[in-house]
Amino acid sequence: MTKAERITFVINTLKAHYPTIPIPLDHKDPYTLLIAVLLSAQCTDVRVNQITPLLFAKADNPYDMIKLSVEEIQNIIRPCGLSPMKSKGIYGLSHILIDKHDGKVPANFEDLEALPAVGHKTASVVMSQAFGVAAFPVDTHIHRLLYRWNFSNGSSVVRTEKDAKRLFPEALWNELHLQIIWYGREYCQARGWDLSKDLITQTIGRKSVLQAYHKKTSR
């Protein structure tokens, strides 16, 4: 296959697997999405979705959030890991949203990435899922799969994002990044990966990845 044919194959296969795409993190508006994405750093979406209802029952907007202390926030979100940093980030960004943005989540990368504990990936998720702006947030699944599919060299998530944006049509970025995440979780895992169930990597996978897989499984 040519690279263009491989791209088309991936798009069509993902569309067939995920004609409707579930949103991984439960939320009701840009603020609750921002908090959920912040909590998801080094934590599973399943765990985040268990914890956010407890937090949002007390504060689901910046005005209520700053009524809580950093310690109260930390105690609620502790199961998500990195709770000292995340609780300070949630409290601090809530203050900034009130002071600088009329209590609303800004719909641009510059202001989002200026918020405490908000990096480019978090901003990209919010821009994509809350505001419908074309973005390609790269998480561990996308980074792994684009390497296995020989679309990026795996040197960094920055490189992977650039390659994804260069290769895939911009109109598809917002749905594709979610489809790739779901596919990675279900068929192309980092551990316990069964290539026989992974149609995309079987078909277009990087030769060195396939060779390493077969060598490992033939022992």
N, C-alpha and C. Protein backbone atom coordinates (compact mmCIF):
# COMPACT_ATOMS: atom_id res chain seq x y z
N MET A 1 0.83 -1.21 0.00
CA MET A 1 0.00 0.00 0.00
C MET A 1 0.87 1.26 0.00
N THR A 2 0.40 2.28 -0.68
CA THR A 2 1.03 3.59 -0.57
C THR A 2 0.64 4.21 0.76
N LYS A 3 1.34 5.27 1.14
CA LYS A 3 0.99 5.94 2.41
C LYS A 3 -0.43 6.47 2.37
N ALA A 4 -0.85 7.03 1.23
CA ALA A 4 -2.21 7.54 1.09
C ALA A 4 -3.23 6.41 1.25
N GLU A 5 -2.92 5.24 0.70
CA GLU A 5 -3.83 4.09 0.83
C GLU A 5 -3.88 3.61 2.27
N ARG A 6 -2.75 3.65 2.96
CA ARG A 6 -2.73 3.24 4.36
C ARG A 6 -3.55 4.19 5.22
N ILE A 7 -3.45 5.49 4.93
CA ILE A 7 -4.24 6.48 5.65
C ILE A 7 -5.73 6.22 5.45
N THR A 8 -6.12 5.99 4.21
CA THR A 8 -7.53 5.73 3.89
C THR A 8 -8.00 4.45 4.58
N PHE A 9 -7.15 3.43 4.58
CA PHE A 9 -7.49 2.16 5.24
C PHE A 9 -7.75 2.38 6.73
N VAL A 10 -6.88 3.14 7.39
CA VAL A 10 -7.04 3.41 8.82
C VAL A 10 -8.34 4.17 9.08
N ILE A 11 -8.58 5.21 8.30
CA ILE A 11 -9.80 6.02 8.49
C ILE A 11 -11.04 5.15 8.33
N ASN A 12 -11.08 4.35 7.29
CA ASN A 12 -12.26 3.52 7.02
C ASN A 12 -12.44 2.42 8.06
N THR A 13 -11.33 1.83 8.50
CA THR A 13 -11.42 0.77 9.51
C THR A 13 -11.90 1.32 10.84
N LEU A 14 -11.37 2.46 11.23
CA LEU A 14 -11.80 3.09 12.49
C LEU A 14 -13.26 3.50 12.42
N LYS A 15 -13.69 4.01 11.26
CA LYS A 15 -15.09 4.40 11.09
C LYS A 15 -16.01 3.19 11.21
N ALA A 16 -15.57 2.06 10.66
CA ALA A 16 -16.37 0.83 10.75
C ALA A 16 -16.46 0.33 12.18
N HIS A 17 -15.37 0.45 12.93
CA HIS A 17 -15.36 0.01 14.33
C HIS A 17 -16.14 0.95 15.23
N TYR A 18 -16.04 2.25 14.96
CA TYR A 18 -16.63 3.25 15.86
C TYR A 18 -17.44 4.28 15.06
N PRO A 19 -18.59 3.85 14.52
CA PRO A 19 -19.43 4.80 13.76
C PRO A 19 -19.97 5.91 14.65
N THR A 20 -20.25 5.59 15.91
CA THR A 20 -20.55 6.61 16.91
C THR A 20 -19.46 6.50 17.97
N ILE A 21 -18.97 7.65 18.41
CA ILE A 21 -17.78 7.65 19.26
C ILE A 21 -18.12 8.10 20.67
N PRO A 22 -17.99 7.20 21.64
CA PRO A 22 -18.23 7.63 23.02
C PRO A 22 -17.15 8.58 23.51
N ILE A 23 -17.54 9.56 24.30
CA ILE A 23 -16.58 10.49 24.90
C ILE A 23 -16.03 9.84 26.17
N PRO A 24 -14.71 9.73 26.29
CA PRO A 24 -14.14 8.97 27.41
C PRO A 24 -14.42 9.55 28.80
N LEU A 25 -14.41 10.89 28.93
CA LEU A 25 -14.54 11.52 30.24
C LEU A 25 -15.92 12.16 30.39
N ASP A 26 -16.62 11.79 31.46
CA ASP A 26 -17.95 12.34 31.72
C ASP A 26 -17.84 13.82 32.08
N HIS A 27 -18.67 14.64 31.45
CA HIS A 27 -18.68 16.08 31.76
C HIS A 27 -19.96 16.68 31.22
N LYS A 28 -20.26 17.91 31.65
CA LYS A 28 -21.49 18.55 31.19
C LYS A 28 -21.25 19.91 30.53
N ASP A 29 -20.01 20.43 30.67
CA ASP A 29 -19.71 21.74 30.10
C ASP A 29 -18.18 21.88 30.03
N PRO A 30 -17.68 22.98 29.44
CA PRO A 30 -16.23 23.12 29.31
C PRO A 30 -15.46 23.06 30.64
N TYR A 31 -16.04 23.62 31.70
CA TYR A 31 -15.33 23.61 32.98
C TYR A 31 -15.18 22.20 33.52
N THR A 32 -16.26 21.44 33.54
CA THR A 32 -16.16 20.08 34.09
C THR A 32 -15.29 19.20 33.19
N LEU A 33 -15.26 19.46 31.89
CA LEU A 33 -14.35 18.73 31.01
C LEU A 33 -12.90 19.09 31.34
N LEU A 34 -12.62 20.37 31.51
CA LEU A 34 -11.26 20.82 31.83
C LEU A 34 -10.76 20.13 33.10
N ILE A 35 -11.60 20.10 34.12
CA ILE A 35 -11.19 19.47 35.38
C ILE A 35 -10.98 17.98 35.19
N ALA A 36 -11.87 17.33 34.45
CA ALA A 36 -11.75 15.89 34.22
C ALA A 36 -10.47 15.55 33.46
N VAL A 37 -10.16 16.34 32.45
CA VAL A 37 -8.95 16.08 31.67
C VAL A 37 -7.71 16.30 32.52
N LEU A 38 -7.72 17.35 33.32
CA LEU A 38 -6.59 17.61 34.23
C LEU A 38 -6.39 16.41 35.17
N LEU A 39 -7.49 15.85 35.68
CA LEU A 39 -7.39 14.72 36.60
C LEU A 39 -6.91 13.45 35.91
N SER A 40 -7.08 13.37 34.60
CA SER A 40 -6.77 12.13 33.88
C SER A 40 -5.27 11.92 33.66
N ALA A 41 -4.45 12.91 33.97
CA ALA A 41 -3.01 12.75 33.81
C ALA A 41 -2.53 11.59 34.69
N GLN A 42 -1.91 10.59 34.06
CA GLN A 42 -1.41 9.40 34.75
C GLN A 42 -2.49 8.72 35.59
N CYS A 43 -3.71 8.75 35.07
CA CYS A 43 -4.84 8.10 35.73
C CYS A 43 -5.79 7.60 34.65
N THR A 44 -6.47 6.50 34.92
CA THR A 44 -7.40 5.97 33.93
C THR A 44 -8.67 6.81 33.87
N ASP A 45 -9.29 6.84 32.70
CA ASP A 45 -10.55 7.55 32.56
C ASP A 45 -11.63 6.93 33.44
N VAL A 46 -11.58 5.62 33.63
CA VAL A 46 -12.57 4.94 34.49
C VAL A 46 -12.49 5.49 35.90
N ARG A 47 -11.27 5.62 36.42
CA ARG A 47 -11.09 6.15 37.77
C ARG A 47 -11.54 7.61 37.85
N VAL A 48 -11.19 8.39 36.85
CA VAL A 48 -11.60 9.80 36.84
C VAL A 48 -13.12 9.90 36.88
N ASN A 49 -13.80 9.07 36.09
CA ASN A 49 -15.27 9.11 36.04
C ASN A 49 -15.91 8.64 37.35
N GLN A 50 -15.14 7.95 38.18
CA GLN A 50 -15.64 7.58 39.51
C GLN A 50 -15.48 8.73 40.51
N ILE A 51 -14.45 9.55 40.30
CA ILE A 51 -14.11 10.60 41.26
C ILE A 51 -14.81 11.92 40.94
N THR A 52 -14.95 12.26 39.66
CA THR A 52 -15.52 13.57 39.34
C THR A 52 -16.94 13.78 39.88
N PRO A 53 -17.81 12.77 39.93
CA PRO A 53 -19.12 13.04 40.54
C PRO A 53 -19.03 13.47 42.00
N LEU A 54 -18.03 12.94 42.72
CA LEU A 54 -17.84 13.33 44.12
C LEU A 54 -17.38 14.78 44.22
N LEU A 55 -16.46 15.15 43.34
CA LEU A 55 -15.97 16.53 43.34
C LEU A 55 -17.04 17.50 42.86
N PHE A 56 -17.71 17.15 41.77
CA PHE A 56 -18.69 18.06 41.18
C PHE A 56 -19.96 18.18 42.02
N ALA A 57 -20.20 17.23 42.91
CA ALA A 57 -21.33 17.36 43.83
C ALA A 57 -21.09 18.53 44.78
N LYS A 58 -19.83 18.82 45.06
CA LYS A 58 -19.48 19.94 45.92
C LYS A 58 -19.21 21.21 45.12
N ALA A 59 -18.63 21.05 43.91
CA ALA A 59 -18.26 22.22 43.11
C ALA A 59 -18.14 21.82 41.65
N ASP A 60 -19.08 22.30 40.83
CA ASP A 60 -19.01 22.00 39.40
C ASP A 60 -18.83 23.28 38.57
N ASN A 61 -18.35 24.33 39.25
CA ASN A 61 -18.07 25.60 38.58
C ASN A 61 -16.97 26.30 39.37
N PRO A 62 -16.27 27.24 38.77
CA PRO A 62 -15.13 27.85 39.47
C PRO A 62 -15.52 28.61 40.73
N TYR A 63 -16.71 29.20 40.75
CA TYR A 63 -17.14 29.99 41.92
C TYR A 63 -17.30 29.11 43.15
N ASP A 64 -17.86 27.92 42.96
CA ASP A 64 -18.00 26.99 44.08
C ASP A 64 -16.67 26.32 44.41
N MET A 65 -15.84 26.11 43.37
CA MET A 65 -14.58 25.41 43.60
C MET A 65 -13.67 26.21 44.52
N ILE A 66 -13.64 27.54 44.38
CA ILE A 66 -12.73 28.32 45.23
C ILE A 66 -13.26 28.47 46.65
N LYS A 67 -14.49 28.02 46.89
CA LYS A 67 -14.99 27.98 48.27
C LYS A 67 -14.40 26.79 49.02
N LEU A 68 -13.90 25.81 48.27
CA LEU A 68 -13.22 24.67 48.90
C LEU A 68 -11.75 25.04 49.11
N SER A 69 -11.13 24.41 50.07
CA SER A 69 -9.69 24.60 50.26
C SER A 69 -8.94 23.64 49.35
N VAL A 70 -7.67 23.92 49.12
CA VAL A 70 -6.84 23.00 48.34
C VAL A 70 -6.84 21.62 48.99
N GLU A 71 -6.82 21.60 50.32
CA GLU A 71 -6.79 20.33 51.05
C GLU A 71 -8.09 19.54 50.83
N GLU A 72 -9.22 20.24 50.81
CA GLU A 72 -10.50 19.55 50.58
C GLU A 72 -10.54 18.95 49.17
N ILE A 73 -10.08 19.72 48.20
CA ILE A 73 -10.02 19.21 46.82
C ILE A 73 -9.10 18.00 46.75
N GLN A 74 -7.95 18.13 47.39
CA GLN A 74 -6.96 17.04 47.35
C GLN A 74 -7.51 15.75 47.95
N ASN A 75 -8.24 15.87 49.05
CA ASN A 75 -8.79 14.68 49.70
C ASN A 75 -9.78 13.95 48.80
N ILE A 76 -10.53 14.71 48.00
CA ILE A 76 -11.52 14.10 47.10
C ILE A 76 -10.83 13.42 45.92
N ILE A 77 -9.84 14.09 45.36
CA ILE A 77 -9.24 13.59 44.11
C ILE A 77 -8.03 12.68 44.33
N ARG A 78 -7.70 12.41 45.58
CA ARG A 78 -6.51 11.61 45.89
C ARG A 78 -6.40 10.31 45.09
N PRO A 79 -7.51 9.56 44.88
CA PRO A 79 -7.39 8.31 44.13
C PRO A 79 -6.92 8.48 42.68
N CYS A 80 -6.97 9.71 42.16
CA CYS A 80 -6.51 9.95 40.79
C CYS A 80 -5.00 10.11 40.68
N GLY A 81 -4.32 10.18 41.81
CA GLY A 81 -2.87 10.33 41.78
C GLY A 81 -2.44 11.77 41.55
N LEU A 82 -1.21 12.07 41.90
CA LEU A 82 -0.65 13.43 41.75
C LEU A 82 -1.56 14.48 42.38
N SER A 83 -2.22 14.13 43.46
CA SER A 83 -3.26 15.00 44.03
C SER A 83 -2.73 16.34 44.56
N PRO A 84 -1.50 16.41 45.09
CA PRO A 84 -1.04 17.74 45.53
C PRO A 84 -0.97 18.74 44.37
N MET A 85 -0.39 18.31 43.26
CA MET A 85 -0.26 19.19 42.10
C MET A 85 -1.63 19.48 41.47
N LYS A 86 -2.43 18.44 41.33
CA LYS A 86 -3.72 18.60 40.66
C LYS A 86 -4.67 19.48 41.47
N SER A 87 -4.67 19.33 42.79
CA SER A 87 -5.58 20.13 43.62
C SER A 87 -5.19 21.61 43.58
N LYS A 88 -3.88 21.88 43.62
CA LYS A 88 -3.43 23.27 43.51
C LYS A 88 -3.78 23.84 42.13
N GLY A 89 -3.64 23.00 41.10
CA GLY A 89 -3.99 23.44 39.75
C GLY A 89 -5.46 23.76 39.61
N ILE A 90 -6.32 22.90 40.13
CA ILE A 90 -7.76 23.10 40.05
C ILE A 90 -8.16 24.38 40.79
N TYR A 91 -7.63 24.56 41.98
CA TYR A 91 -7.95 25.74 42.78
C TYR A 91 -7.43 27.00 42.08
N GLY A 92 -6.18 26.93 41.62
CA GLY A 92 -5.56 28.10 40.99
C GLY A 92 -6.23 28.49 39.69
N LEU A 93 -6.52 27.52 38.84
CA LEU A 93 -7.15 27.86 37.55
C LEU A 93 -8.57 28.38 37.75
N SER A 94 -9.24 27.88 38.77
CA SER A 94 -10.60 28.37 39.04
C SER A 94 -10.57 29.85 39.41
N HIS A 95 -9.59 30.25 40.21
CA HIS A 95 -9.42 31.67 40.55
C HIS A 95 -9.14 32.49 39.29
N ILE A 96 -8.26 31.99 38.42
CA ILE A 96 -7.90 32.73 37.21
C ILE A 96 -9.10 32.85 36.28
N LEU A 97 -9.90 31.80 36.17
CA LEU A 97 -11.10 31.88 35.32
C LEU A 97 -12.04 32.98 35.80
N ILE A 98 -12.16 33.11 37.10
CA ILE A 98 -13.02 34.16 37.66
C ILE A 98 -12.40 35.55 37.46
N ASP A 99 -11.10 35.64 37.75
CA ASP A 99 -10.43 36.94 37.72
C ASP A 99 -10.22 37.48 36.31
N LYS A 100 -9.96 36.58 35.36
CA LYS A 100 -9.57 37.03 34.02
C LYS A 100 -10.57 36.68 32.91
N HIS A 101 -11.45 35.72 33.17
CA HIS A 101 -12.29 35.22 32.07
C HIS A 101 -13.78 35.16 32.43
N ASP A 102 -14.20 35.97 33.38
CA ASP A 102 -15.62 36.01 33.78
C ASP A 102 -16.17 34.65 34.17
N GLY A 103 -15.30 33.81 34.73
CA GLY A 103 -15.73 32.50 35.21
C GLY A 103 -15.91 31.46 34.12
N LYS A 104 -15.50 31.81 32.90
CA LYS A 104 -15.69 30.89 31.78
C LYS A 104 -14.35 30.33 31.29
N VAL A 105 -14.40 29.13 30.75
CA VAL A 105 -13.20 28.52 30.18
C VAL A 105 -12.91 29.19 28.84
N PRO A 106 -11.71 29.72 28.65
CA PRO A 106 -11.39 30.40 27.39
C PRO A 106 -11.32 29.40 26.23
N ALA A 107 -11.76 29.86 25.07
CA ALA A 107 -11.80 28.99 23.89
C ALA A 107 -10.62 29.26 22.98
N ASN A 108 -9.43 29.35 23.56
CA ASN A 108 -8.23 29.48 22.74
C ASN A 108 -7.04 28.83 23.45
N PHE A 109 -6.09 28.36 22.66
CA PHE A 109 -4.96 27.62 23.21
C PHE A 109 -4.10 28.46 24.15
N GLU A 110 -3.85 29.71 23.78
CA GLU A 110 -2.94 30.54 24.57
C GLU A 110 -3.42 30.71 26.00
N ASP A 111 -4.70 31.07 26.15
CA ASP A 111 -5.23 31.28 27.50
C ASP A 111 -5.37 29.97 28.26
N LEU A 112 -5.75 28.90 27.58
CA LEU A 112 -5.87 27.61 28.25
C LEU A 112 -4.52 27.14 28.77
N GLU A 113 -3.49 27.23 27.93
CA GLU A 113 -2.18 26.73 28.33
C GLU A 113 -1.50 27.63 29.36
N ALA A 114 -2.05 28.82 29.58
CA ALA A 114 -1.53 29.69 30.63
C ALA A 114 -2.09 29.32 32.00
N LEU A 115 -3.10 28.46 32.04
CA LEU A 115 -3.71 28.07 33.31
C LEU A 115 -2.82 27.06 34.05
N PRO A 116 -2.82 27.09 35.38
CA PRO A 116 -2.01 26.14 36.14
C PRO A 116 -2.40 24.70 35.82
N ALA A 117 -1.40 23.84 35.69
CA ALA A 117 -1.59 22.39 35.49
C ALA A 117 -2.25 22.04 34.16
N VAL A 118 -2.32 23.00 33.24
CA VAL A 118 -2.92 22.74 31.93
C VAL A 118 -1.82 22.81 30.86
N GLY A 119 -1.53 21.66 30.28
CA GLY A 119 -0.54 21.60 29.21
C GLY A 119 -1.21 21.57 27.85
N HIS A 120 -0.42 21.35 26.83
CA HIS A 120 -0.94 21.40 25.45
C HIS A 120 -1.96 20.29 25.19
N LYS A 121 -1.70 19.10 25.72
CA LYS A 121 -2.64 18.00 25.48
C LYS A 121 -4.00 18.29 26.11
N THR A 122 -3.99 18.76 27.36
CA THR A 122 -5.25 19.09 28.03
C THR A 122 -5.99 20.19 27.27
N ALA A 123 -5.25 21.22 26.86
CA ALA A 123 -5.87 22.30 26.09
C ALA A 123 -6.45 21.78 24.78
N SER A 124 -5.75 20.86 24.14
CA SER A 124 -6.22 20.30 22.87
C SER A 124 -7.53 19.52 23.05
N VAL A 125 -7.61 18.76 24.12
CA VAL A 125 -8.85 18.00 24.39
C VAL A 125 -10.01 18.96 24.60
N VAL A 126 -9.78 20.00 25.39
CA VAL A 126 -10.85 20.97 25.66
C VAL A 126 -11.26 21.70 24.39
N MET A 127 -10.29 22.13 23.61
CA MET A 127 -10.61 22.83 22.35
C MET A 127 -11.41 21.93 21.42
N SER A 128 -11.03 20.67 21.36
CA SER A 128 -11.69 19.72 20.47
C SER A 128 -13.08 19.34 20.96
N GLN A 129 -13.17 18.89 22.21
CA GLN A 129 -14.42 18.29 22.69
C GLN A 129 -15.40 19.32 23.25
N ALA A 130 -14.90 20.43 23.79
CA ALA A 130 -15.80 21.44 24.35
C ALA A 130 -16.20 22.48 23.32
N PHE A 131 -15.26 22.82 22.43
CA PHE A 131 -15.51 23.93 21.51
C PHE A 131 -15.53 23.54 20.04
N GLY A 132 -15.26 22.28 19.74
CA GLY A 132 -15.34 21.81 18.36
C GLY A 132 -14.26 22.34 17.45
N VAL A 133 -13.18 22.85 18.03
CA VAL A 133 -12.05 23.35 17.23
C VAL A 133 -11.17 22.17 16.85
N ALA A 134 -10.74 22.11 15.61
CA ALA A 134 -9.91 21.00 15.15
C ALA A 134 -8.61 20.92 15.94
N ALA A 135 -8.37 19.78 16.57
CA ALA A 135 -7.16 19.55 17.34
C ALA A 135 -6.87 18.06 17.32
N PHE A 136 -5.65 17.70 17.63
CA PHE A 136 -5.29 16.28 17.64
C PHE A 136 -4.50 15.98 18.92
N PRO A 137 -5.21 15.90 20.06
CA PRO A 137 -4.52 15.61 21.32
C PRO A 137 -3.86 14.24 21.27
N VAL A 138 -2.59 14.17 21.60
CA VAL A 138 -1.86 12.90 21.55
C VAL A 138 -1.67 12.37 22.96
N ASP A 139 -2.32 11.23 23.24
CA ASP A 139 -2.09 10.56 24.52
C ASP A 139 -1.22 9.34 24.27
N THR A 140 -1.04 8.52 25.28
CA THR A 140 -0.13 7.38 25.18
C THR A 140 -0.59 6.39 24.12
N HIS A 141 -1.91 6.24 23.95
CA HIS A 141 -2.43 5.30 22.95
C HIS A 141 -2.12 5.78 21.53
N ILE A 142 -2.40 7.04 21.26
CA ILE A 142 -2.15 7.58 19.92
C ILE A 142 -0.66 7.55 19.61
N HIS A 143 0.15 7.89 20.59
CA HIS A 143 1.60 7.88 20.41
C HIS A 143 2.07 6.46 20.04
N ARG A 144 1.57 5.48 20.75
CA ARG A 144 1.95 4.08 20.51
C ARG A 144 1.45 3.59 19.15
N LEU A 145 0.21 3.86 18.83
CA LEU A 145 -0.37 3.34 17.60
C LEU A 145 0.22 3.97 16.35
N LEU A 146 0.45 5.27 16.36
CA LEU A 146 1.02 5.90 15.17
C LEU A 146 2.46 5.42 14.93
N TYR A 147 3.13 5.03 16.00
CA TYR A 147 4.45 4.41 15.81
C TYR A 147 4.28 3.01 15.22
N ARG A 148 3.40 2.21 15.80
CA ARG A 148 3.21 0.84 15.31
C ARG A 148 2.72 0.83 13.86
N TRP A 149 1.95 1.85 13.50
CA TRP A 149 1.41 1.91 12.13
C TRP A 149 2.38 2.59 11.15
N ASN A 150 3.56 2.95 11.65
CA ASN A 150 4.61 3.55 10.83
C ASN A 150 4.21 4.92 10.25
N PHE A 151 3.44 5.67 11.04
CA PHE A 151 3.08 7.02 10.63
C PHE A 151 3.93 8.07 11.35
N SER A 152 4.64 7.65 12.40
CA SER A 152 5.50 8.57 13.14
C SER A 152 6.63 7.76 13.76
N ASN A 153 7.75 8.41 14.05
CA ASN A 153 8.92 7.66 14.51
C ASN A 153 8.97 7.44 16.01
N GLY A 154 7.99 7.95 16.74
CA GLY A 154 7.92 7.70 18.17
C GLY A 154 8.90 8.49 19.01
N SER A 155 9.56 9.48 18.42
CA SER A 155 10.59 10.21 19.16
C SER A 155 10.01 11.09 20.27
N SER A 156 8.79 11.62 20.05
CA SER A 156 8.15 12.45 21.06
C SER A 156 6.68 12.63 20.71
N VAL A 157 5.88 13.02 21.71
CA VAL A 157 4.47 13.27 21.43
C VAL A 157 4.30 14.51 20.56
N VAL A 158 5.24 15.44 20.65
CA VAL A 158 5.19 16.63 19.79
C VAL A 158 5.32 16.22 18.33
N ARG A 159 6.29 15.34 18.06
CA ARG A 159 6.48 14.85 16.70
C ARG A 159 5.25 14.06 16.24
N THR A 160 4.71 13.23 17.11
CA THR A 160 3.54 12.43 16.75
C THR A 160 2.36 13.32 16.38
N GLU A 161 2.15 14.39 17.15
CA GLU A 161 1.05 15.31 16.86
C GLU A 161 1.26 15.98 15.50
N LYS A 162 2.47 16.44 15.24
CA LYS A 162 2.77 17.08 13.95
C LYS A 162 2.51 16.12 12.80
N ASP A 163 2.96 14.87 12.95
CA ASP A 163 2.76 13.88 11.90
C ASP A 163 1.28 13.57 11.69
N ALA A 164 0.54 13.43 12.79
CA ALA A 164 -0.89 13.14 12.68
C ALA A 164 -1.62 14.26 11.94
N LYS A 165 -1.28 15.49 12.28
CA LYS A 165 -1.94 16.64 11.63
C LYS A 165 -1.54 16.74 10.15
N ARG A 166 -0.34 16.34 9.85
CA ARG A 166 0.12 16.40 8.46
C ARG A 166 -0.53 15.30 7.61
N LEU A 167 -0.77 14.14 8.20
CA LEU A 167 -1.23 12.98 7.45
C LEU A 167 -2.75 12.90 7.31
N PHE A 168 -3.46 13.26 8.37
CA PHE A 168 -4.92 13.07 8.38
C PHE A 168 -5.65 14.37 8.04
N PRO A 169 -6.78 14.29 7.34
CA PRO A 169 -7.55 15.49 7.00
C PRO A 169 -8.02 16.22 8.26
N GLU A 170 -7.86 17.53 8.27
CA GLU A 170 -8.21 18.32 9.45
C GLU A 170 -9.66 18.14 9.87
N ALA A 171 -10.54 17.96 8.90
CA ALA A 171 -11.97 17.79 9.21
C ALA A 171 -12.24 16.54 10.04
N LEU A 172 -11.29 15.61 10.06
CA LEU A 172 -11.48 14.35 10.78
C LEU A 172 -10.73 14.29 12.10
N TRP A 173 -9.91 15.29 12.41
CA TRP A 173 -9.05 15.21 13.59
C TRP A 173 -9.83 14.92 14.87
N ASN A 174 -10.93 15.64 15.07
CA ASN A 174 -11.63 15.53 16.35
C ASN A 174 -12.23 14.15 16.58
N GLU A 175 -12.71 13.51 15.52
CA GLU A 175 -13.25 12.16 15.71
C GLU A 175 -12.14 11.11 15.65
N LEU A 176 -11.14 11.34 14.80
CA LEU A 176 -10.07 10.36 14.66
C LEU A 176 -9.28 10.15 15.94
N HIS A 177 -8.97 11.23 16.65
CA HIS A 177 -8.15 11.04 17.85
C HIS A 177 -8.88 10.19 18.88
N LEU A 178 -10.19 10.33 18.95
CA LEU A 178 -10.97 9.50 19.87
C LEU A 178 -11.08 8.06 19.37
N GLN A 179 -11.28 7.90 18.07
CA GLN A 179 -11.36 6.55 17.51
C GLN A 179 -10.05 5.78 17.72
N ILE A 180 -8.92 6.47 17.56
CA ILE A 180 -7.63 5.82 17.76
C ILE A 180 -7.44 5.43 19.23
N ILE A 181 -7.87 6.29 20.14
CA ILE A 181 -7.79 5.97 21.57
C ILE A 181 -8.58 4.71 21.89
N TRP A 182 -9.82 4.66 21.42
CA TRP A 182 -10.65 3.48 21.69
C TRP A 182 -10.05 2.23 21.06
N TYR A 183 -9.55 2.36 19.84
CA TYR A 183 -8.94 1.22 19.16
C TYR A 183 -7.71 0.73 19.93
N GLY A 184 -6.91 1.66 20.40
CA GLY A 184 -5.73 1.30 21.17
C GLY A 184 -6.08 0.55 22.45
N ARG A 185 -7.13 0.97 23.10
CA ARG A 185 -7.55 0.31 24.34
C ARG A 185 -8.09 -1.09 24.09
N GLU A 186 -8.80 -1.25 22.97
CA GLU A 186 -9.49 -2.52 22.72
C GLU A 186 -8.65 -3.53 21.92
N TYR A 187 -7.82 -3.04 20.99
CA TYR A 187 -7.18 -3.96 20.05
C TYR A 187 -5.65 -3.85 19.98
N CYS A 188 -5.09 -2.76 20.45
CA CYS A 188 -3.65 -2.53 20.23
C CYS A 188 -3.01 -2.01 21.51
N GLN A 189 -3.15 -2.81 22.58
CA GLN A 189 -2.71 -2.39 23.90
C GLN A 189 -1.19 -2.45 24.03
N ALA A 190 -0.69 -1.72 25.01
CA ALA A 190 0.74 -1.78 25.32
C ALA A 190 1.11 -3.13 25.90
N ARG A 191 0.22 -3.68 26.73
CA ARG A 191 0.45 -4.99 27.35
C ARG A 191 -0.73 -5.91 27.01
N GLY A 192 -0.42 -7.18 26.87
CA GLY A 192 -1.48 -8.14 26.57
C GLY A 192 -2.03 -7.99 25.17
N TRP A 193 -1.22 -7.45 24.28
CA TRP A 193 -1.63 -7.18 22.90
C TRP A 193 -1.74 -8.49 22.12
N ASP A 194 -2.89 -8.70 21.47
CA ASP A 194 -3.12 -9.87 20.62
C ASP A 194 -3.23 -9.40 19.17
N LEU A 195 -2.15 -9.58 18.43
CA LEU A 195 -2.10 -9.08 17.05
C LEU A 195 -3.20 -9.69 16.18
N SER A 196 -3.62 -10.90 16.50
CA SER A 196 -4.64 -11.56 15.68
C SER A 196 -5.97 -10.82 15.69
N LYS A 197 -6.18 -10.00 16.72
CA LYS A 197 -7.42 -9.22 16.81
C LYS A 197 -7.25 -7.78 16.32
N ASP A 198 -6.01 -7.44 15.96
CA ASP A 198 -5.66 -6.06 15.60
C ASP A 198 -5.51 -5.95 14.08
N LEU A 199 -6.63 -5.71 13.40
CA LEU A 199 -6.65 -5.70 11.94
C LEU A 199 -5.72 -4.65 11.34
N ILE A 200 -5.70 -3.46 11.96
CA ILE A 200 -4.92 -2.37 11.36
C ILE A 200 -3.42 -2.68 11.41
N THR A 201 -2.91 -3.07 12.59
CA THR A 201 -1.47 -3.34 12.68
C THR A 201 -1.09 -4.58 11.87
N GLN A 202 -1.96 -5.57 11.83
CA GLN A 202 -1.73 -6.74 10.97
C GLN A 202 -1.48 -6.30 9.53
N THR A 203 -2.26 -5.34 9.09
CA THR A 203 -2.29 -4.96 7.68
C THR A 203 -1.20 -3.96 7.30
N ILE A 204 -0.95 -2.98 8.17
CA ILE A 204 -0.03 -1.90 7.78
C ILE A 204 1.08 -1.68 8.80
N GLY A 205 1.23 -2.58 9.76
CA GLY A 205 2.17 -2.35 10.86
C GLY A 205 3.61 -2.20 10.43
N ARG A 206 4.36 -1.45 11.21
CA ARG A 206 5.80 -1.27 11.02
C ARG A 206 6.48 -2.65 11.07
N LYS A 207 7.35 -2.94 10.12
CA LYS A 207 7.97 -4.26 10.02
C LYS A 207 8.70 -4.66 11.30
N SER A 208 9.44 -3.72 11.88
CA SER A 208 10.21 -4.05 13.09
C SER A 208 9.29 -4.39 14.26
N VAL A 209 8.13 -3.73 14.32
CA VAL A 209 7.16 -4.01 15.38
C VAL A 209 6.58 -5.41 15.19
N LEU A 210 6.22 -5.75 13.96
CA LEU A 210 5.65 -7.06 13.68
C LEU A 210 6.68 -8.17 13.92
N GLN A 211 7.91 -7.92 13.52
CA GLN A 211 8.97 -8.91 13.74
C GLN A 211 9.20 -9.14 15.22
N ALA A 212 9.23 -8.05 16.00
CA ALA A 212 9.44 -8.16 17.44
C ALA A 212 8.28 -8.90 18.10
N TYR A 213 7.07 -8.64 17.63
CA TYR A 213 5.89 -9.32 18.18
C TYR A 213 5.98 -10.82 17.92
N HIS A 214 6.25 -11.19 16.67
CA HIS A 214 6.29 -12.61 16.32
C HIS A 214 7.45 -13.34 17.01
N LYS A 215 8.56 -12.64 17.17
CA LYS A 215 9.69 -13.24 17.88
C LYS A 215 9.34 -13.51 19.34
N LYS A 216 8.65 -12.55 19.94
CA LYS A 216 8.27 -12.69 21.36
C LYS A 216 7.24 -13.79 21.55
N THR A 217 6.26 -13.87 20.66
CA THR A 217 5.18 -14.84 20.83
C THR A 217 5.58 -16.25 20.38
N SER A 218 6.70 -16.38 19.65
CA SER A 218 7.11 -17.71 19.19
C SER A 218 8.02 -18.43 20.19
N ARG A 219 8.36 -17.72 21.27
CA ARG A 219 9.24 -18.33 22.28
C ARG A 219 8.52 -19.45 23.02
